[in-house]
Protein backbone atom coordinates (compact mmCIF):
# COMPACT_ATOMS: atom_id res chain seq x y z
CA MET A 1 0.00 0.00 0.00
CA TRP A 2 1.35 3.43 -0.90
CA ARG A 3 0.60 6.36 1.41
CA PRO A 4 1.87 9.83 0.47
CA VAL A 5 2.16 12.35 3.29
CA LEU A 6 3.02 16.04 3.44
CA THR A 7 5.03 16.82 6.55
CA PHE A 8 5.56 20.21 8.13
CA GLY A 9 8.35 20.92 10.62
CA ASP A 10 8.99 24.04 12.67
CA ASP A 11 12.00 25.19 10.67
CA GLN A 12 11.81 22.76 7.77
CA PRO A 13 10.05 23.22 4.46
CA SER A 14 7.28 20.75 3.70
CA ARG A 15 8.43 17.59 1.99
CA TYR A 16 6.78 14.70 0.27
CA GLN A 17 7.68 11.11 1.06
CA SER A 18 6.33 7.72 0.17
CA ASN A 19 6.71 4.25 1.59
CA VAL A 20 5.48 0.85 0.52
CA ALA A 21 3.89 -1.44 3.09
CA LEU A 22 2.93 -5.09 2.80
CA ALA A 23 0.26 -5.70 5.45
CA LEU A 24 -1.55 -8.76 6.70
CA SER A 25 -4.36 -7.71 9.00
CA PRO A 26 -7.42 -9.82 9.83
CA VAL A 27 -10.43 -7.53 10.24
CA LEU A 28 -13.63 -8.11 12.22
CA LYS A 29 -16.69 -6.37 10.79
CA LYS A 30 -20.14 -6.18 12.42
CA GLN A 31 -23.31 -4.29 11.60
CA PHE A 32 -24.53 -2.24 14.55
CA ALA A 33 -27.10 0.14 13.04
CA SER A 34 -28.91 1.37 9.94
CA TRP A 35 -28.91 4.91 8.63
CA TYR A 36 -31.71 5.79 6.22
CA GLY A 37 -32.12 2.07 5.54
CA LYS A 38 -28.42 1.55 4.80
CA PRO A 39 -26.43 -0.85 7.04
CA VAL A 40 -23.69 0.72 9.17
CA PHE A 41 -20.73 -1.38 10.35
CA TRP A 42 -17.78 -1.05 12.68
CA GLU A 43 -14.51 -2.79 11.93
CA PHE A 44 -11.53 -3.65 14.07
CA GLY A 45 -8.26 -5.29 13.11
CA ILE A 46 -4.73 -5.97 14.32
CA GLY A 47 -2.05 -7.22 11.98
CA VAL A 48 1.57 -7.03 10.88
CA THR A 49 3.25 -4.85 8.27
CA MET A 50 6.62 -4.82 6.51
CA LEU A 51 7.88 -1.46 5.20
CA ASN A 52 10.39 -0.90 2.42
CA LYS A 53 11.93 2.09 4.30
CA ARG A 54 12.46 2.63 8.01
CA GLU A 55 12.06 6.40 7.70
CA PHE A 56 8.73 7.97 6.83
CA ALA A 57 7.37 11.51 7.16
CA GLY A 58 10.65 12.65 8.72
CA LYS A 59 10.57 9.96 11.44
CA ASP A 60 12.85 7.00 12.00
CA LEU A 61 10.29 4.28 12.76
CA GLY A 62 12.97 2.07 14.34
CA SER A 63 12.15 -1.06 12.36
CA TYR A 64 10.94 -2.30 8.99
CA PHE A 65 8.50 -4.48 10.95
CA GLN A 66 5.39 -2.71 12.30
CA PHE A 67 2.08 -3.67 13.84
CA GLU A 68 -1.11 -2.23 12.34
CA ASP A 69 -4.18 -1.41 14.45
CA ARG A 70 -7.36 -0.21 12.79
CA LEU A 71 -10.77 0.99 13.84
CA GLY A 72 -13.34 1.93 11.22
CA LEU A 73 -16.88 2.97 10.53
CA LEU A 74 -18.44 1.81 7.23
CA ILE A 75 -21.77 2.29 5.45
CA GLU A 76 -23.05 0.22 2.53
CA LEU A 77 -24.52 2.49 -0.13
CA ASP A 78 -26.50 -0.03 -2.22
CA PRO A 79 -28.54 -3.18 -1.58
CA GLN A 80 -26.21 -5.32 -3.74
CA HIS A 81 -23.32 -4.72 -1.23
CA ARG A 82 -21.10 -3.34 -4.00
CA LYS A 83 -20.56 0.27 -2.90
CA MET A 84 -19.23 1.27 0.49
CA LEU A 85 -17.97 4.42 2.19
CA ALA A 86 -15.55 4.09 5.12
CA ILE A 87 -13.59 6.18 7.58
CA ARG A 88 -10.74 4.46 9.42
CA TYR A 89 -8.21 5.35 12.06
CA MET A 90 -5.00 3.34 11.61
CA HIS A 91 -1.97 3.22 13.91
CA TYR A 92 1.44 1.73 13.08
CA SER A 93 3.99 0.90 15.76
CA ASN A 94 6.81 -1.58 16.30
CA ALA A 95 5.45 -2.26 19.82
CA GLY A 96 8.80 -1.56 21.46
CA LEU A 97 10.77 -4.13 19.44
CA SER A 98 13.21 -1.29 18.72
CA SER A 99 14.44 1.49 21.00
CA ARG A 100 12.96 3.95 18.47
CA ASN A 101 9.16 3.66 18.32
CA PRO A 102 7.51 6.98 17.44
CA GLY A 103 4.47 5.32 15.81
CA MET A 104 2.42 6.72 12.94
CA ASP A 105 -1.29 7.56 12.84
CA PHE A 106 -3.46 7.82 9.73
CA LEU A 107 -7.03 8.88 9.10
CA ASN A 108 -8.27 7.08 6.00
CA ILE A 109 -11.42 7.92 4.03
CA ALA A 110 -12.28 5.35 1.37
CA TYR A 111 -14.93 4.67 -1.22
CA SER A 112 -15.03 1.13 -2.61
CA TRP A 113 -16.95 -0.31 -5.51
CA ARG A 114 -16.95 -4.04 -6.19
CA PHE A 115 -17.53 -5.05 -9.79
C-alpha cells in the first residue's frame, strides 16, 4: 500500500515522502445500526506490516517491521453490497521491538466499488 504524506516541521520546508507497506491484517466487521435504511458497520483489526523504508514523514520508525491497528466505521450504499464508504483510524507501531518507536497515525477515508 502506498501512502503519500506532506510533513511540516517548525523550521523545515514541507516535503513529500512515500513508503510501501505489505500488510496482513485480519479484520472483524459487524453491523450495529442502519442509517436511512443503509447498514452501518464497525470494523476492528490488528495485523503485521513490513515497510520498504524505516524512515517515513521525517521519522525513523525504528524497524521495517510494524504492527497495524485499525478501527473503522463503514456504510453500505447499495442493496447489492457493492458500494461502500468508510472512515478508518490506523496506527502503526513496532510495539517496542526497537528502542525507536515513534508510531504513525493515519485517518483514512475510502470509497469502494466491487464489480
